[in-house]
Amino acid sequence: MKLDAALPPVQLKDVPSIAKAAQEIGFDALWTQETQHDPFLPCALIAEHSTTLNFGTAIAVSFARSPANLAYTAWDLAAQSGGRFILGLGTQVKAHIERRFGMTWPESVTGQLREQIQVIRAFWDTWQNGTKLNFRGEYYKATLMSPFFQPPPLPSPIFLENGGGQGGGIPIYIAGVNTGLAKLAGELCEGFHAHAFNSPLYMQEVILPAIVDGLQKSGRSRKDFTISMSPFVATSPEEEAFVRTQIAFYASTPSYHAVMDLHGWSQTAQQLSGYAAKGEWAEMPMLITDEMLQEFCLVTTQENLANDLKSRYEGIADRITLYTPFVPKEKDGWWRRLAKAFN
């Protein structure tokens, strides 16, 4: 089980120092997010200002981009870093795709994402092996690749050693909450970014079986696949209050209700959705009981955190990224001890 770090929402000028600090602390990977900033631009700086640190997007919004955009960007980052880049994709939700990005929400989320990944890999196969580009699907058609627009192949170790069970390439992780995307990840990808709004029970009973179904379809086993988790952790009353707010926000999202349903808290999820629809955010954390907090968050002490994380997620997660972003010069000694316990 590896310990990774999350890049905080900072300006690009701050990324080099954070990348250097993350490598020095001992994190295995540094993940960028698509919240207030583009997720790919920091990756170029992380590659330039580190030598052993893996890095990737967790996540980049896939439906806001074309497969060609994603293929070119990932190719360049893999080349620049010597194969340390991981392409992490997520679909986001309908309201954001339509109203924030101005794009079209597909009839089939898994159907479009499946094709998007297939087109990306088709580009990579063309660039690496000279295979004629000829993808024709329901959502995408990609049939043109002239030499002027074709990047040179990647060195063989970068391309061949990182491709998981998919015949070589750059690792692709996809994110999700429900079984459709988990199964698709097992079938087509090298990893899965589990949503922070999660519980060990939900992972064991819902997500892992779906991933295994997908892996079996692709002729692979669990050892061929990486599950990355970003658990909520609270080691103080202040952190508990913050986590309650985050849980209330995520639990109010209808597409995430399956997590609440499994634990028998469907009625609370509906109440939270009602508050969110009216913009009554302050009332929502009060609906998150201590029992809910314990299910969705690891409540522990800083001293016991490493052991408790390993115990809680053993057999579930291969990579752990605390939901709290890594900020250099804030608890560096504690971060270093935590990273050493894992990496």
Foldseek 3Di string as FASTA:
>chain_A
DFEAFEAPPDDLVPLLVVLLLRVVLQHQEYEYEPDPDQRLVSLLSSLVNDQRHAYEYPAGAQQLDALVVVLVSQQVSLQSNVQRYEHEYENDDQCCVCPVSVGHDDPDPLQVVLVSLVLSVLLLCCQAPVDQRADDDDPDTDGDDDPVRRDHHHPVCNFQVQAQLQRTGRFYEYEDQALSVLLSCLQRGQEYEYDQQAFLVCLVPTRVVSSQNNVVVNVHHPVSHAYEYAYQEDADPVSLLVVLLVNLVQLLDVRNVVRVVVVPNNVLNPVSVVCVVVPVSVPRSVSQDPVNCVGRYHYDHLVCVLVVVCVRQPVRHPYYYHNDGDDPPPPSVSSSVSSVSRD
